[in-house]
Amino acid sequence: MHTIQASEFKAKCLALMDRVAATGESWVVTKNGKPVAELRPYTGGRAASPFGLHPGLKIHGDVLAPLPEDDWKVLP
């Protein structure tokens, strides 16, 4: 896998993205010699399940509605 410093990546970002799309190679972006990001070809869509959880998970009801106060329990 190829590596590139963040400063060089910043200057060559668009050209590097074109190269990755054309060749399929991956690059690791480093900052101060440490890996911080990876640029690789896009492989497809996201998980079909909600929030990337298990496919069998089903959400029932309004997940954004506040819970009744009786449902809150304080642990000792």
N, C-alpha and C. Protein backbone atom coordinates (compact mmCIF):
# COMPACT_ATOMS: atom_id res chain seq x y z
N MET A 1 0.84 -1.18 0.00
CA MET A 1 0.00 0.00 0.00
C MET A 1 0.89 1.24 0.00
N HIS A 2 0.49 2.22 -0.77
CA HIS A 2 1.25 3.46 -0.90
C HIS A 2 0.96 4.39 0.29
N THR A 3 1.92 5.25 0.60
CA THR A 3 1.71 6.25 1.64
C THR A 3 1.99 7.63 1.05
N ILE A 4 1.35 8.64 1.65
CA ILE A 4 1.54 10.01 1.22
C ILE A 4 1.37 10.92 2.44
N GLN A 5 2.22 11.94 2.56
CA GLN A 5 2.11 12.88 3.66
C GLN A 5 0.88 13.76 3.47
N ALA A 6 0.27 14.18 4.57
CA ALA A 6 -0.95 14.98 4.52
C ALA A 6 -0.75 16.26 3.70
N SER A 7 0.38 16.90 3.83
CA SER A 7 0.62 18.13 3.08
C SER A 7 0.66 17.87 1.57
N GLU A 8 1.27 16.77 1.17
CA GLU A 8 1.30 16.42 -0.25
C GLU A 8 -0.08 15.97 -0.71
N PHE A 9 -0.80 15.23 0.14
CA PHE A 9 -2.15 14.80 -0.19
C PHE A 9 -3.05 16.00 -0.46
N LYS A 10 -2.91 17.03 0.39
CA LYS A 10 -3.72 18.24 0.24
C LYS A 10 -3.49 18.87 -1.13
N ALA A 11 -2.26 18.90 -1.58
CA ALA A 11 -1.92 19.51 -2.86
C ALA A 11 -2.35 18.66 -4.05
N LYS A 12 -2.41 17.34 -3.88
CA LYS A 12 -2.65 16.43 -5.00
C LYS A 12 -3.94 15.63 -4.87
N CYS A 13 -4.83 16.05 -3.98
CA CYS A 13 -6.01 15.27 -3.63
C CYS A 13 -6.83 14.83 -4.84
N LEU A 14 -7.24 15.76 -5.69
CA LEU A 14 -8.11 15.41 -6.81
C LEU A 14 -7.43 14.47 -7.80
N ALA A 15 -6.17 14.71 -8.09
CA ALA A 15 -5.43 13.84 -9.00
C ALA A 15 -5.26 12.45 -8.39
N LEU A 16 -5.03 12.39 -7.09
CA LEU A 16 -4.86 11.11 -6.42
C LEU A 16 -6.18 10.33 -6.41
N MET A 17 -7.28 11.03 -6.22
CA MET A 17 -8.59 10.36 -6.26
C MET A 17 -8.84 9.77 -7.66
N ASP A 18 -8.49 10.49 -8.69
CA ASP A 18 -8.63 9.97 -10.05
C ASP A 18 -7.76 8.73 -10.25
N ARG A 19 -6.55 8.77 -9.72
CA ARG A 19 -5.63 7.64 -9.84
C ARG A 19 -6.18 6.41 -9.13
N VAL A 20 -6.71 6.60 -7.92
CA VAL A 20 -7.27 5.49 -7.16
C VAL A 20 -8.45 4.89 -7.92
N ALA A 21 -9.32 5.73 -8.47
CA ALA A 21 -10.46 5.24 -9.23
C ALA A 21 -10.03 4.45 -10.47
N ALA A 22 -8.97 4.90 -11.11
CA ALA A 22 -8.51 4.25 -12.34
C ALA A 22 -7.74 2.96 -12.08
N THR A 23 -6.92 2.94 -11.03
CA THR A 23 -6.03 1.79 -10.81
C THR A 23 -6.51 0.82 -9.74
N GLY A 24 -7.36 1.30 -8.83
CA GLY A 24 -7.82 0.43 -7.75
C GLY A 24 -6.85 0.34 -6.58
N GLU A 25 -5.77 1.10 -6.62
CA GLU A 25 -4.80 1.04 -5.53
C GLU A 25 -5.28 1.85 -4.33
N SER A 26 -4.74 1.54 -3.16
CA SER A 26 -5.09 2.25 -1.94
C SER A 26 -3.90 3.06 -1.44
N TRP A 27 -4.20 4.14 -0.74
CA TRP A 27 -3.18 5.03 -0.19
C TRP A 27 -3.46 5.29 1.28
N VAL A 28 -2.39 5.38 2.08
CA VAL A 28 -2.50 5.77 3.48
C VAL A 28 -1.95 7.18 3.60
N VAL A 29 -2.75 8.06 4.19
CA VAL A 29 -2.32 9.44 4.41
C VAL A 29 -1.71 9.51 5.80
N THR A 30 -0.50 10.09 5.88
CA THR A 30 0.19 10.17 7.17
C THR A 30 0.34 11.62 7.61
N LYS A 31 0.41 11.78 8.91
CA LYS A 31 0.67 13.10 9.50
C LYS A 31 1.73 12.88 10.58
N ASN A 32 2.83 13.58 10.44
CA ASN A 32 3.98 13.39 11.33
C ASN A 32 4.42 11.92 11.37
N GLY A 33 4.34 11.27 10.22
CA GLY A 33 4.80 9.89 10.10
C GLY A 33 3.82 8.84 10.59
N LYS A 34 2.65 9.25 11.09
CA LYS A 34 1.68 8.29 11.61
C LYS A 34 0.46 8.24 10.69
N PRO A 35 -0.04 7.04 10.41
CA PRO A 35 -1.21 6.92 9.55
C PRO A 35 -2.44 7.58 10.19
N VAL A 36 -3.17 8.37 9.40
CA VAL A 36 -4.38 9.03 9.91
C VAL A 36 -5.60 8.75 9.06
N ALA A 37 -5.43 8.36 7.80
CA ALA A 37 -6.57 8.10 6.92
C ALA A 37 -6.14 7.16 5.81
N GLU A 38 -7.15 6.57 5.18
CA GLU A 38 -6.89 5.68 4.06
C GLU A 38 -7.78 6.09 2.90
N LEU A 39 -7.22 6.17 1.72
CA LEU A 39 -7.97 6.45 0.51
C LEU A 39 -7.96 5.17 -0.31
N ARG A 40 -9.14 4.65 -0.59
CA ARG A 40 -9.25 3.41 -1.35
C ARG A 40 -10.44 3.50 -2.28
N PRO A 41 -10.52 2.63 -3.27
CA PRO A 41 -11.63 2.68 -4.22
C PRO A 41 -12.96 2.42 -3.51
N TYR A 42 -14.00 3.07 -3.98
CA TYR A 42 -15.34 2.87 -3.45
C TYR A 42 -15.83 1.50 -3.90
N THR A 43 -16.38 0.72 -2.97
CA THR A 43 -16.77 -0.66 -3.30
C THR A 43 -18.26 -0.89 -3.34
N GLY A 44 -19.05 0.09 -3.00
CA GLY A 44 -20.49 -0.13 -3.07
C GLY A 44 -21.22 0.65 -2.00
N GLY A 45 -22.48 0.32 -1.86
CA GLY A 45 -23.35 1.01 -0.93
C GLY A 45 -23.12 0.65 0.52
N ARG A 46 -23.94 1.25 1.34
CA ARG A 46 -23.88 1.00 2.77
C ARG A 46 -24.72 -0.21 3.14
N ALA A 47 -24.63 -0.59 4.39
CA ALA A 47 -25.41 -1.72 4.89
C ALA A 47 -26.89 -1.42 4.74
N ALA A 48 -27.66 -2.44 4.38
CA ALA A 48 -29.09 -2.26 4.16
C ALA A 48 -29.85 -2.12 5.47
N SER A 49 -29.25 -2.54 6.57
CA SER A 49 -29.95 -2.48 7.84
C SER A 49 -29.85 -1.08 8.45
N PRO A 50 -30.80 -0.71 9.30
CA PRO A 50 -30.78 0.64 9.88
C PRO A 50 -29.57 0.85 10.78
N PHE A 51 -28.91 1.96 10.62
CA PHE A 51 -27.77 2.35 11.43
C PHE A 51 -26.62 1.36 11.35
N GLY A 52 -26.61 0.49 10.34
CA GLY A 52 -25.54 -0.49 10.18
C GLY A 52 -25.60 -1.61 11.20
N LEU A 53 -26.77 -1.83 11.79
CA LEU A 53 -26.92 -2.87 12.81
C LEU A 53 -27.32 -4.19 12.17
N HIS A 54 -27.64 -5.16 12.99
CA HIS A 54 -27.99 -6.49 12.51
C HIS A 54 -29.19 -6.45 11.56
N PRO A 55 -29.15 -7.24 10.49
CA PRO A 55 -30.24 -7.22 9.51
C PRO A 55 -31.60 -7.58 10.11
N GLY A 56 -31.64 -8.40 11.17
CA GLY A 56 -32.91 -8.81 11.77
C GLY A 56 -33.51 -7.78 12.71
N LEU A 57 -32.81 -6.69 12.95
CA LEU A 57 -33.28 -5.67 13.88
C LEU A 57 -34.50 -4.96 13.32
N LYS A 58 -35.51 -4.78 14.17
CA LYS A 58 -36.70 -4.02 13.77
C LYS A 58 -36.92 -2.92 14.79
N ILE A 59 -37.23 -1.75 14.30
CA ILE A 59 -37.50 -0.61 15.17
C ILE A 59 -39.01 -0.44 15.26
N HIS A 60 -39.53 -0.43 16.48
CA HIS A 60 -40.96 -0.28 16.72
C HIS A 60 -41.20 1.03 17.44
N GLY A 61 -42.14 1.79 17.00
CA GLY A 61 -42.49 3.02 17.68
C GLY A 61 -41.60 4.17 17.26
N ASP A 62 -41.77 5.26 17.99
CA ASP A 62 -41.04 6.50 17.71
C ASP A 62 -39.75 6.52 18.52
N VAL A 63 -38.63 6.34 17.87
CA VAL A 63 -37.35 6.29 18.58
C VAL A 63 -36.90 7.67 19.05
N LEU A 64 -37.54 8.72 18.58
CA LEU A 64 -37.15 10.06 18.98
C LEU A 64 -38.02 10.63 20.09
N ALA A 65 -39.14 9.98 20.37
CA ALA A 65 -40.04 10.48 21.42
C ALA A 65 -39.41 10.28 22.79
N PRO A 66 -39.62 11.23 23.71
CA PRO A 66 -39.05 11.06 25.05
C PRO A 66 -39.72 9.91 25.80
N LEU A 67 -38.96 9.26 26.66
CA LEU A 67 -39.49 8.17 27.48
C LEU A 67 -40.27 8.75 28.66
N PRO A 68 -41.31 8.03 29.10
CA PRO A 68 -42.00 8.47 30.31
C PRO A 68 -41.05 8.43 31.51
N GLU A 69 -41.27 9.30 32.48
CA GLU A 69 -40.38 9.36 33.65
C GLU A 69 -40.32 8.04 34.39
N ASP A 70 -41.40 7.25 34.37
CA ASP A 70 -41.42 5.96 35.07
C ASP A 70 -40.44 4.97 34.47
N ASP A 71 -40.05 5.17 33.21
CA ASP A 71 -39.11 4.25 32.56
C ASP A 71 -37.67 4.51 32.94
N TRP A 72 -37.38 5.63 33.59
CA TRP A 72 -36.02 5.97 34.00
C TRP A 72 -35.77 5.41 35.38
N LYS A 73 -34.70 4.66 35.51
CA LYS A 73 -34.34 4.10 36.82
C LYS A 73 -32.93 4.58 37.16
N VAL A 74 -32.76 4.98 38.37
CA VAL A 74 -31.45 5.44 38.84
C VAL A 74 -30.76 4.26 39.49
N LEU A 75 -29.55 3.96 39.03
CA LEU A 75 -28.78 2.87 39.61
C LEU A 75 -28.04 3.37 40.85
N PRO A 76 -27.93 2.51 41.84
CA PRO A 76 -27.22 2.93 43.08
C PRO A 76 -25.75 3.18 42.84
